[in-house]
Protein backbone atom coordinates (compact mmCIF):
# COMPACT_ATOMS: atom_id res chain seq x y z
CA UNK A 1 -48.48 -0.57 44.03
CA UNK A 2 -51.09 1.95 42.88
CA UNK A 3 -54.23 0.61 41.26
CA UNK A 4 -54.25 1.32 37.54
CA UNK A 5 -56.28 4.28 36.43
CA UNK A 6 -58.58 4.35 33.43
CA UNK A 7 -57.93 6.09 30.14
CA UNK A 8 -60.92 7.67 28.40
CA UNK A 9 -60.62 8.20 24.66
CA UNK A 10 -63.19 10.96 24.12
CA UNK A 11 -64.45 12.74 21.04
CA UNK A 12 -64.75 16.48 21.64
CA UNK A 13 -66.90 17.14 18.57
CA UNK A 14 -65.96 19.35 15.62
CA UNK A 15 -65.59 22.70 17.44
CA UNK A 16 -68.82 23.89 19.04
CA UNK A 17 -68.38 23.12 22.76
CA UNK A 18 -72.05 22.24 23.00
CA UNK A 19 -71.46 19.24 20.76
CA UNK A 20 -69.37 17.43 23.38
CA UNK A 21 -71.56 14.65 24.74
CA UNK A 22 -72.90 14.78 28.29
CA UNK A 23 -70.89 11.65 29.15
CA UNK A 24 -67.72 13.15 27.70
CA UNK A 25 -68.16 16.38 29.65
CA UNK A 26 -68.78 14.53 32.91
CA UNK A 27 -65.57 12.51 32.51
CA UNK A 28 -63.57 15.55 31.40
CA UNK A 29 -64.46 17.32 34.66
CA UNK A 30 -63.00 14.38 36.62
CA UNK A 31 -59.74 14.11 34.69
CA UNK A 32 -56.43 14.18 36.56
CA UNK A 33 -54.52 14.33 33.28
CA UNK A 34 -55.77 15.69 29.94
CA UNK A 35 -54.00 15.07 26.63
CA UNK A 36 -55.75 17.21 24.00
CA UNK A 37 -55.37 17.82 20.30
CA UNK A 38 -55.13 21.07 18.35
CA UNK A 39 -58.67 20.82 16.99
CA UNK A 40 -60.21 20.56 20.45
CA UNK A 41 -61.91 23.86 21.25
CA UNK A 42 -59.65 25.52 23.89
CA UNK A 43 -62.73 26.55 25.86
CA UNK A 44 -63.18 22.92 26.90
CA UNK A 45 -60.00 23.25 28.97
CA UNK A 46 -62.03 25.53 31.27
CA UNK A 47 -64.09 22.48 32.26
CA UNK A 48 -61.14 20.74 33.92
CA UNK A 49 -60.83 20.62 37.69
CA UNK A 50 -58.20 22.63 39.61
CA UNK A 51 -54.91 20.80 39.60
CA UNK A 52 -55.55 18.80 36.44
CA UNK A 53 -52.43 18.36 34.32
CA UNK A 54 -52.91 19.59 30.75
CA UNK A 55 -50.69 18.14 28.02
CA UNK A 56 -50.88 19.53 24.50
CA UNK A 57 -50.68 16.82 21.87
CA UNK A 58 -51.48 19.25 19.04
CA UNK A 59 -50.81 18.33 15.45
CA UNK A 60 -50.23 20.84 12.67
CA UNK A 61 -49.53 19.95 9.03
CA UNK A 62 -45.96 18.63 8.88
CA UNK A 63 -45.38 19.38 12.59
CA UNK A 64 -46.39 17.30 15.61
CA UNK A 65 -45.98 18.72 19.12
CA UNK A 66 -46.06 15.16 20.50
CA UNK A 67 -45.41 12.16 18.29
CA UNK A 68 -47.99 9.41 18.47
CA UNK A 69 -45.57 7.10 20.30
CA UNK A 70 -45.02 9.76 22.97
CA UNK A 71 -48.81 10.14 23.38
CA UNK A 72 -49.06 6.38 23.95
CA UNK A 73 -46.33 6.52 26.57
CA UNK A 74 -47.94 9.46 28.40
CA UNK A 75 -51.31 7.71 28.65
CA UNK A 76 -49.76 4.55 30.07
CA UNK A 77 -47.39 6.37 32.42
CA UNK A 78 -50.14 8.38 34.10
CA UNK A 79 -52.65 5.50 34.17
CA UNK A 80 -50.09 3.29 35.91
CA UNK A 81 -50.02 5.88 38.69
CA UNK A 82 -53.74 5.36 39.24
CA UNK A 83 -54.81 8.62 37.58
CA UNK A 84 -57.93 9.34 35.55
CA UNK A 85 -56.56 10.10 32.08
CA UNK A 86 -58.57 11.74 29.31
CA UNK A 87 -57.37 11.66 25.71
CA UNK A 88 -59.51 14.37 24.07
CA UNK A 89 -59.72 14.39 20.27
CA UNK A 90 -61.53 16.59 17.81
CA UNK A 91 -64.64 15.09 16.24
CA UNK A 92 -65.13 11.37 16.86
CA UNK A 93 -62.05 9.39 17.98
CA UNK A 94 -63.06 6.43 15.80
CA UNK A 95 -63.15 8.52 12.60
CA UNK A 96 -59.57 9.12 11.46
CA UNK A 97 -58.63 9.65 15.12
CA UNK A 98 -56.16 6.75 15.49
CA UNK A 99 -58.20 5.45 18.41
CA UNK A 100 -57.59 1.87 17.26
CA UNK A 101 -53.83 2.28 17.68
CA UNK A 102 -54.19 3.91 21.07
CA UNK A 103 -56.64 1.27 22.33
CA UNK A 104 -54.33 -1.53 21.16
CA UNK A 105 -51.39 0.05 22.98
CA UNK A 106 -53.42 0.34 26.20
CA UNK A 107 -54.48 -3.30 25.85
CA UNK A 108 -50.85 -4.30 25.48
CA UNK A 109 -50.07 -2.77 28.89
CA UNK A 110 -53.27 -3.95 30.55
CA UNK A 111 -54.62 -0.42 31.04
CA UNK A 112 -58.43 -0.16 31.37
CA UNK A 113 -59.95 2.23 28.85
CA UNK A 114 -63.26 3.43 27.45
CA UNK A 115 -64.07 4.95 24.07
CA UNK A 116 -66.58 7.80 24.24
CA UNK A 117 -67.85 8.63 20.74
CA UNK A 118 -68.17 12.22 19.56
CA UNK A 119 -69.97 14.16 16.84
CA UNK A 120 -67.96 13.83 13.65
CA UNK A 121 -67.15 16.86 11.47
CA UNK A 122 -68.21 15.20 8.22
CA UNK A 123 -71.84 15.35 9.38
CA UNK A 124 -71.79 18.33 11.77
CA UNK A 125 -69.96 20.86 9.55
CA UNK A 126 -72.38 20.42 6.62
CA UNK A 127 -75.31 20.61 9.07
CA UNK A 128 -73.99 23.97 10.41
CA UNK A 129 -73.74 25.09 6.78
CA UNK A 130 -77.41 24.12 6.32
CA UNK A 131 -76.77 21.00 4.27
CA UNK A 132 -77.78 17.42 5.25
CA UNK A 133 -75.46 14.62 4.12
CA UNK A 134 -78.44 12.54 2.98
CA UNK A 135 -81.69 13.68 1.43
CA UNK A 136 -84.73 11.78 0.18
CA UNK A 137 -84.43 13.43 -3.25
CA UNK A 138 -80.67 13.99 -3.57
CA UNK A 139 -78.70 11.38 -1.69
CA UNK A 140 -79.59 7.93 -0.39
CA UNK A 141 -76.11 6.91 0.75
CA UNK A 142 -73.10 8.57 2.30
CA UNK A 143 -69.38 7.81 2.72
CA UNK A 144 -66.45 9.46 4.42
CA UNK A 145 -62.86 9.40 3.22
CA UNK A 146 -59.53 10.76 4.36
CA UNK A 147 -57.89 13.50 2.31
CA UNK A 148 -54.33 12.36 3.06
CA UNK A 149 -52.37 9.24 3.94
CA UNK A 150 -49.10 7.91 5.37
CA UNK A 151 -47.53 7.56 1.92
CA UNK A 152 -44.58 9.76 1.01
CA UNK A 153 -46.76 11.72 -1.39
CA UNK A 154 -49.46 12.15 1.25
CA UNK A 155 -52.13 11.25 -1.32
CA UNK A 156 -55.01 9.22 0.07
CA UNK A 157 -55.11 5.47 -0.68
CA UNK A 158 -58.72 5.12 -1.79
CA UNK A 159 -60.95 2.88 -3.91
CA UNK A 160 -61.79 5.61 -6.39
CA UNK A 161 -64.10 3.33 -8.39
CA UNK A 162 -66.09 2.61 -5.24
CA UNK A 163 -66.45 6.29 -4.35
CA UNK A 164 -67.65 7.13 -7.85
CA UNK A 165 -70.95 5.32 -7.16
CA UNK A 166 -71.61 6.89 -3.72
CA UNK A 167 -74.21 9.70 -3.72
CA UNK A 168 -72.44 11.88 -1.11
CA UNK A 169 -68.80 11.75 -0.02
CA UNK A 170 -67.18 13.80 2.76
CA UNK A 171 -63.40 14.19 2.54
CA UNK A 172 -61.58 15.07 5.79
CA UNK A 173 -58.50 17.31 5.73
CA UNK A 174 -58.22 17.17 1.95
CA UNK A 175 -57.41 20.77 1.02
CA UNK A 176 -53.73 20.15 0.25
CA UNK A 177 -54.55 17.27 -2.11
CA UNK A 178 -57.80 18.69 -3.49
CA UNK A 179 -56.49 18.90 -7.10
CA UNK A 180 -55.52 15.19 -7.05
CA UNK A 181 -58.74 14.19 -5.29
CA UNK A 182 -61.01 15.96 -7.79
CA UNK A 183 -58.98 14.67 -10.75
CA UNK A 184 -59.26 11.07 -9.54
CA UNK A 185 -62.99 11.37 -8.89
CA UNK A 186 -63.60 12.75 -12.39
CA UNK A 187 -61.35 10.13 -13.98
CA UNK A 188 -63.33 7.39 -12.27
CA UNK A 189 -66.75 8.61 -13.32
CA UNK A 190 -68.01 11.55 -11.26
CA UNK A 191 -69.36 14.54 -13.18
CA UNK A 192 -67.25 17.68 -13.59
CA UNK A 193 -70.31 19.84 -12.87
CA UNK A 194 -71.18 17.99 -9.65
CA UNK A 195 -71.33 20.39 -6.71
CA UNK A 196 -68.68 20.48 -4.01
CA UNK A 197 -69.09 22.36 -0.72
CA UNK A 198 -65.98 23.23 1.31
CA UNK A 199 -66.49 24.08 4.99
CA UNK A 200 -63.53 25.41 6.97
CA UNK A 201 -63.52 25.51 10.80
CA UNK A 202 -67.04 24.09 10.77
CA UNK A 203 -69.36 24.71 13.78
CA UNK A 204 -67.11 27.53 15.11
CA UNK A 205 -67.17 31.31 14.87
CA UNK A 206 -64.52 31.05 12.13
CA UNK A 207 -66.68 28.87 9.89
CA UNK A 208 -66.73 29.78 6.21
CA UNK A 209 -67.94 27.92 3.15
CA UNK A 210 -67.21 27.81 -0.57
CA UNK A 211 -69.27 26.07 -3.26
CA UNK A 212 -68.17 25.23 -6.80
CA UNK A 213 -68.20 22.46 -9.39
CA UNK A 214 -65.98 19.42 -8.97
CA UNK A 215 -63.93 20.59 -11.96
CA UNK A 216 -63.22 24.05 -10.55
CA UNK A 217 -63.27 23.73 -6.76
CA UNK A 218 -59.51 23.17 -6.36
CA UNK A 219 -58.67 26.36 -8.24
CA UNK A 220 -61.28 28.40 -6.37
CA UNK A 221 -60.16 27.03 -2.99
CA UNK A 222 -56.61 28.17 -3.70
CA UNK A 223 -57.83 31.61 -4.78
CA UNK A 224 -59.86 31.95 -1.57
CA UNK A 225 -56.92 30.68 0.52
CA UNK A 226 -58.88 27.82 2.05
CA UNK A 227 -56.81 25.70 4.43
CA UNK A 228 -57.41 22.80 6.81
CA UNK A 229 -59.26 22.04 8.99
CA UNK A 230 -61.92 21.63 6.35
CA UNK A 231 -64.52 19.20 5.05
CA UNK A 232 -65.11 18.74 1.34
CA UNK A 233 -68.67 17.53 0.72
CA UNK A 234 -69.19 16.13 -2.77
CA UNK A 235 -72.59 15.25 -4.17
CA UNK A 236 -75.94 16.66 -5.24
CA UNK A 237 -76.82 17.57 -1.62
CA UNK A 238 -74.09 20.24 -1.79
CA UNK A 239 -76.32 22.19 -4.17
CA UNK A 240 -78.71 22.74 -1.23
CA UNK A 241 -76.28 25.28 0.24
CA UNK A 242 -78.04 28.67 0.36
CA UNK A 243 -75.10 30.99 0.99
CA UNK A 244 -75.83 31.70 4.66
CA UNK A 245 -77.00 28.95 6.98
CA UNK A 246 -79.12 29.11 10.12
CA UNK A 247 -75.84 29.20 12.06
CA UNK A 248 -74.25 31.97 10.03
CA UNK A 249 -77.41 34.13 10.15
CA UNK A 250 -77.18 34.62 13.92
CA UNK A 251 -76.52 38.30 14.74
CA UNK A 252 -73.15 37.68 16.42
CA UNK A 253 -71.86 34.90 14.16
CA UNK A 254 -68.13 35.43 13.66
CA UNK A 255 -67.69 37.13 17.02
CA UNK A 256 -65.45 35.60 19.74
CA UNK A 257 -65.07 38.11 22.58
CA UNK A 258 -62.94 37.69 25.68
CA UNK A 259 -65.00 39.06 28.58
CA UNK A 260 -62.92 40.17 31.54
CA UNK A 261 -64.17 38.40 34.67
CA UNK A 262 -66.21 40.52 37.08
CA UNK A 263 -69.76 40.82 38.39
CA UNK A 264 -72.10 40.33 35.46
CA UNK A 265 -69.57 38.75 33.09
CA UNK A 266 -71.19 35.31 33.11
CA UNK A 267 -74.61 36.80 32.42
CA UNK A 268 -73.22 38.85 29.52
CA UNK A 269 -71.47 35.77 28.14
CA UNK A 270 -74.74 33.84 28.17
CA UNK A 271 -76.53 36.67 26.39
CA UNK A 272 -73.90 36.92 23.66
CA UNK A 273 -73.86 33.15 23.14
CA UNK A 274 -77.61 33.18 22.59
CA UNK A 275 -77.00 35.69 19.80
CA UNK A 276 -74.41 33.46 18.11
CA UNK A 277 -71.06 34.49 19.62
CA UNK A 278 -68.46 32.24 21.14
CA UNK A 279 -67.35 33.71 24.47
CA UNK A 280 -64.46 33.31 26.89
CA UNK A 281 -64.72 34.70 30.42
CA UNK A 282 -61.16 35.37 31.59
CA UNK A 283 -59.59 34.67 33.96
CA UNK A 284 -61.21 31.66 35.59
CA UNK A 285 -60.59 31.33 39.31
CA UNK A 286 -60.63 28.53 41.80
CA UNK A 287 -60.69 28.93 45.55
CA UNK A 288 -58.37 27.45 48.16
CA UNK A 289 -59.62 27.22 51.74
CA UNK A 290 -57.46 28.77 54.43
CA UNK A 291 -56.27 26.71 57.37
CA UNK A 292 -58.16 27.19 60.62
CA UNK A 293 -56.85 30.34 62.40
CA UNK A 294 -55.73 30.24 66.02
CA UNK A 295 -58.75 32.07 67.43
CA UNK A 296 -60.63 31.32 70.64
CA UNK A 297 -64.09 31.40 69.11
CA UNK A 298 -65.61 30.91 72.57
CA UNK A 299 -64.67 34.54 73.38
CA UNK A 300 -66.29 36.03 70.27
CA UNK A 301 -69.28 38.34 70.74
CA UNK A 302 -70.28 38.58 67.06
CA UNK A 303 -69.44 36.47 64.01
CA UNK A 304 -70.62 37.70 60.61
CA UNK A 305 -70.37 35.89 57.28
CA UNK A 306 -70.26 37.36 53.79
CA UNK A 307 -71.73 34.37 51.94
CA UNK A 308 -72.67 30.70 52.26
CA UNK A 309 -69.17 29.40 51.50
CA UNK A 310 -67.81 31.28 54.51
CA UNK A 311 -70.33 29.56 56.78
CA UNK A 312 -69.29 26.18 55.39
CA UNK A 313 -65.58 26.88 55.99
CA UNK A 314 -66.26 28.12 59.53
CA UNK A 315 -68.09 24.96 60.51
CA UNK A 316 -65.29 22.89 59.02
CA UNK A 317 -62.82 24.81 61.19
CA UNK A 318 -64.91 24.07 64.27
CA UNK A 319 -64.98 20.37 63.39
CA UNK A 320 -61.19 20.29 62.97
CA UNK A 321 -60.81 21.92 66.39
CA UNK A 322 -63.37 19.61 68.00
CA UNK A 323 -65.56 22.58 69.01
CA UNK A 324 -69.30 22.28 69.53
CA UNK A 325 -71.23 25.27 68.13
CA UNK A 326 -73.32 25.23 71.33
CA UNK A 327 -70.27 26.27 73.36
CA UNK A 328 -70.13 29.61 71.52
CA UNK A 329 -72.03 32.57 72.93
CA UNK A 330 -71.56 34.85 69.91
CA UNK A 331 -74.34 36.37 67.84
CA UNK A 332 -74.34 35.24 64.21
CA UNK A 333 -75.28 37.31 61.17
CA UNK A 334 -75.11 37.13 57.39
CA UNK A 335 -74.30 39.90 54.94
CA UNK A 336 -76.03 38.15 52.05
CA UNK A 337 -79.11 35.97 51.63
CA UNK A 338 -76.97 32.91 50.98
CA UNK A 339 -75.14 33.39 54.29
CA UNK A 340 -78.39 33.90 56.22
CA UNK A 341 -79.92 30.76 54.72
CA UNK A 342 -76.78 28.73 55.47
CA UNK A 343 -76.94 29.76 59.12
CA UNK A 344 -80.66 28.96 59.35
CA UNK A 345 -80.09 25.52 57.82
CA UNK A 346 -77.70 24.83 60.70
CA UNK A 347 -80.25 25.79 63.34
CA UNK A 348 -78.93 29.28 64.02
CA UNK A 349 -81.06 32.43 64.12
CA UNK A 350 -79.13 35.28 62.44
CA UNK A 351 -79.44 38.68 64.12
CA UNK A 352 -79.82 42.07 62.46
CA UNK A 353 -77.64 44.20 64.73
CA UNK A 354 -74.42 43.54 66.65
CA UNK A 355 -72.91 43.97 70.10
CA UNK A 356 -71.24 47.25 71.10
CA UNK A 357 -67.86 47.92 69.55
CA UNK A 358 -65.29 45.51 70.93
CA UNK A 359 -62.48 43.09 70.17
CA UNK A 360 -64.76 40.07 69.86
CA UNK A 361 -66.33 40.90 66.49
CA UNK A 362 -65.18 38.79 63.54
CA UNK A 363 -66.14 39.11 59.88
CA UNK A 364 -65.47 36.05 57.69
CA UNK A 365 -65.16 36.31 53.92
CA UNK A 366 -62.99 35.41 50.97
CA UNK A 367 -59.95 37.62 50.50
CA UNK A 368 -60.91 40.89 48.80
CA UNK A 369 -64.62 40.53 49.48
CA UNK A 370 -66.51 42.74 51.89
CA UNK A 371 -65.34 45.17 54.57
CA UNK A 372 -66.95 45.90 57.97
CA UNK A 373 -65.59 48.84 59.88
CA UNK A 374 -64.69 47.96 63.46
CA UNK A 375 -64.63 44.22 62.78
CA UNK A 376 -61.61 41.94 62.53
CA UNK A 377 -61.50 40.38 59.07
CA UNK A 378 -60.83 36.63 58.90
CA UNK A 379 -60.06 35.29 55.41
CA UNK A 380 -61.76 31.96 54.75
CA UNK A 381 -60.64 31.41 51.18
CA UNK A 382 -58.08 32.67 48.68
CA UNK A 383 -59.01 33.15 45.05
CA UNK A 384 -56.34 31.91 42.63
CA UNK A 385 -56.18 32.18 38.85
CA UNK A 386 -56.70 28.65 37.48
CA UNK A 387 -53.63 27.50 35.50
CA UNK A 388 -55.98 26.07 32.85
CA UNK A 389 -57.30 29.54 32.03
CA UNK A 390 -53.80 30.70 31.09
CA UNK A 391 -53.43 27.68 28.81
CA UNK A 392 -56.80 28.46 27.25
CA UNK A 393 -55.99 32.07 26.43
CA UNK A 394 -52.65 31.07 24.93
CA UNK A 395 -54.33 28.51 22.68
CA UNK A 396 -57.01 31.03 21.60
CA UNK A 397 -54.31 33.58 20.74
CA UNK A 398 -52.24 30.94 18.91
CA UNK A 399 -55.19 30.08 16.67
CA UNK A 400 -56.33 33.70 16.18
CA UNK A 401 -59.84 32.98 17.48
CA UNK A 402 -60.44 36.10 19.62
CA UNK A 403 -62.09 39.15 18.06
CA UNK A 404 -62.95 41.51 20.95
CA UNK A 405 -62.07 42.35 24.54
CA UNK A 406 -64.96 43.40 26.79
CA UNK A 407 -64.75 45.25 30.11
CA UNK A 408 -67.78 45.84 32.32
CA UNK A 409 -66.13 47.84 35.11
CA UNK A 410 -62.86 49.22 36.48
CA UNK A 411 -62.51 46.03 38.54
CA UNK A 412 -62.74 43.92 35.40
CA UNK A 413 -59.85 45.83 33.82
CA UNK A 414 -57.74 45.40 36.95
CA UNK A 415 -58.61 41.69 37.21
CA UNK A 416 -57.72 41.14 33.55
CA UNK A 417 -54.49 43.12 33.75
CA UNK A 418 -53.22 41.24 36.78
CA UNK A 419 -53.87 37.81 35.27
CA UNK A 420 -52.76 38.70 31.73
CA UNK A 421 -49.42 40.11 32.93
CA UNK A 422 -48.23 36.51 33.38
CA UNK A 423 -48.90 35.77 29.68
CA UNK A 424 -46.64 38.40 28.12
CA UNK A 425 -48.62 38.75 24.88
CA UNK A 426 -49.70 42.40 25.13
CA UNK A 427 -49.12 43.11 21.43
CA UNK A 428 -51.66 40.50 20.34
CA UNK A 429 -54.30 41.55 22.88
CA UNK A 430 -54.00 45.18 21.78
CA UNK A 431 -54.96 44.17 18.26
CA UNK A 432 -58.44 43.24 19.49
CA UNK A 433 -61.36 45.65 19.47
CA UNK A 434 -62.01 46.76 23.05
CA UNK A 435 -65.53 47.44 24.28
CA UNK A 436 -66.06 49.23 27.61
CA UNK A 437 -69.55 49.06 29.05
CA UNK A 438 -69.09 51.86 31.60
CA UNK A 439 -67.21 55.15 31.84
CA UNK A 440 -65.02 53.84 34.68
CA UNK A 441 -64.12 50.80 32.58
CA UNK A 442 -63.20 53.06 29.67
CA UNK A 443 -60.92 55.21 31.84
CA UNK A 444 -59.24 52.13 33.30
CA UNK A 445 -58.77 50.59 29.87
CA UNK A 446 -57.12 53.76 28.59
CA UNK A 447 -54.83 53.74 31.62
CA UNK A 448 -53.96 50.16 30.76
CA UNK A 449 -52.74 51.30 27.36
CA UNK A 450 -55.77 51.08 25.08
CA UNK A 451 -56.47 54.28 23.13
CA UNK A 452 -60.06 55.40 22.41
CA UNK A 453 -60.08 54.74 18.68
CA UNK A 454 -63.07 52.92 17.26
CA UNK A 455 -62.65 49.83 15.11
CA UNK A 456 -65.98 48.37 14.03
CA UNK A 457 -66.59 44.68 14.63
CA UNK A 458 -69.62 42.40 14.55
CA UNK A 459 -69.93 42.73 18.32
CA UNK A 460 -69.43 46.51 18.52
CA UNK A 461 -72.05 47.12 15.82
CA UNK A 462 -74.54 44.91 17.64
CA UNK A 463 -73.85 46.57 20.98
CA UNK A 464 -74.29 50.05 19.55
CA UNK A 465 -77.86 49.10 18.88
CA UNK A 466 -78.31 47.39 22.24
CA UNK A 467 -76.56 49.60 24.79
CA UNK A 468 -76.93 53.35 25.10
CA UNK A 469 -73.92 55.60 25.26
CA UNK A 470 -70.40 55.59 23.97
CA UNK A 471 -68.63 52.52 25.33
CA UNK A 472 -66.10 51.68 22.64
CA UNK A 473 -62.37 52.20 22.88
CA UNK A 474 -60.40 50.38 20.27
CA UNK A 475 -56.85 49.24 19.54
CA UNK A 476 -53.80 51.39 19.14
């Protein structure tokens, strides 16, 4: 019988991936099975290991993808097989996250579990709007309350008298019942002119805020079409809101580009994130090592390696075959610094040249990387699109998060097109603004079906001032 696995009940934070704790991230990367909620940032799925099973337990108003009972069953079923199971929830699992019910169910079946706290939205969303929940002059105490309940009416079951005396109150998911919430608070003693700050999609590129008096906020929220997920912060501290916070003043706030994977894409993503954008490098790949080929390495005259990983695979092949490197008479060389250093670390002296043209020259690299004329290519690894990256892009499209599509080169367009063909959502991707950072990328994008019409976006405006030349081709 398999030893029982452990279930980790982890808070993912309110939206910004950087707010997931270091412990939570470390466990997430080890997960065999991940059950995640709708409010978990889809980019966190990119942190899972190859082969991890991803189960969407998303919950929309009036519609649950997986009922709570089914979530319980899935956690137990996988843990009983000895797997590492992560239950990833938005915010903090102990704050309206039903973690008590899930922990009790795991206890009932004798499943080991850990609770990993997260940053809760009631504190983080106001902070990203520039407002603290307590203040020496404006608020000495703070409470949180749910904006809905299990009752047929959905109205929260709350001690309204108790809340009337609290300086600052944060309501979670209370937009639908905001008229009833504000009416009850006023009836039980809170001032009509007390300030209320609504923050929707807090800590993300979709964050927006609305401030009004307690007596008018419900009407204004409806007029501005505010919906959940949102925090309603009630109290004098709400008056500290200045219109645009430190977070919203970043140059690329509101921008969420998909950057097609190629050389330089990770560096560009880091640059854009520093300027306030959320970024998604797509597709993500993982590599699968090839089985040892039936080659008599003792007869080789030259063996060249493209990079360090190829050296590692080669030595693993030798070990599997029981071959001692000292029995080989070949000259070794590296095409890159990493390959040269890997050879030197193993006591080999890489050469600059090679033997005369012959059948004994082998060049080892990942499929699609490097070509050496006159050498026999041996593929060490195959690059495969990670299944998680397809789940991630589907979730981002479902929630309407993406704003731009960025290509750095012709290869990036080809890489994107090949991976995205499996998604079948071309209409949605063509609604994005497309930025091409080279002429060859622009030509390839047009060939892919994107016409060169400019649609201004936060990112395109910023790039026009940062990069020289015309690099924009927009949607149809």
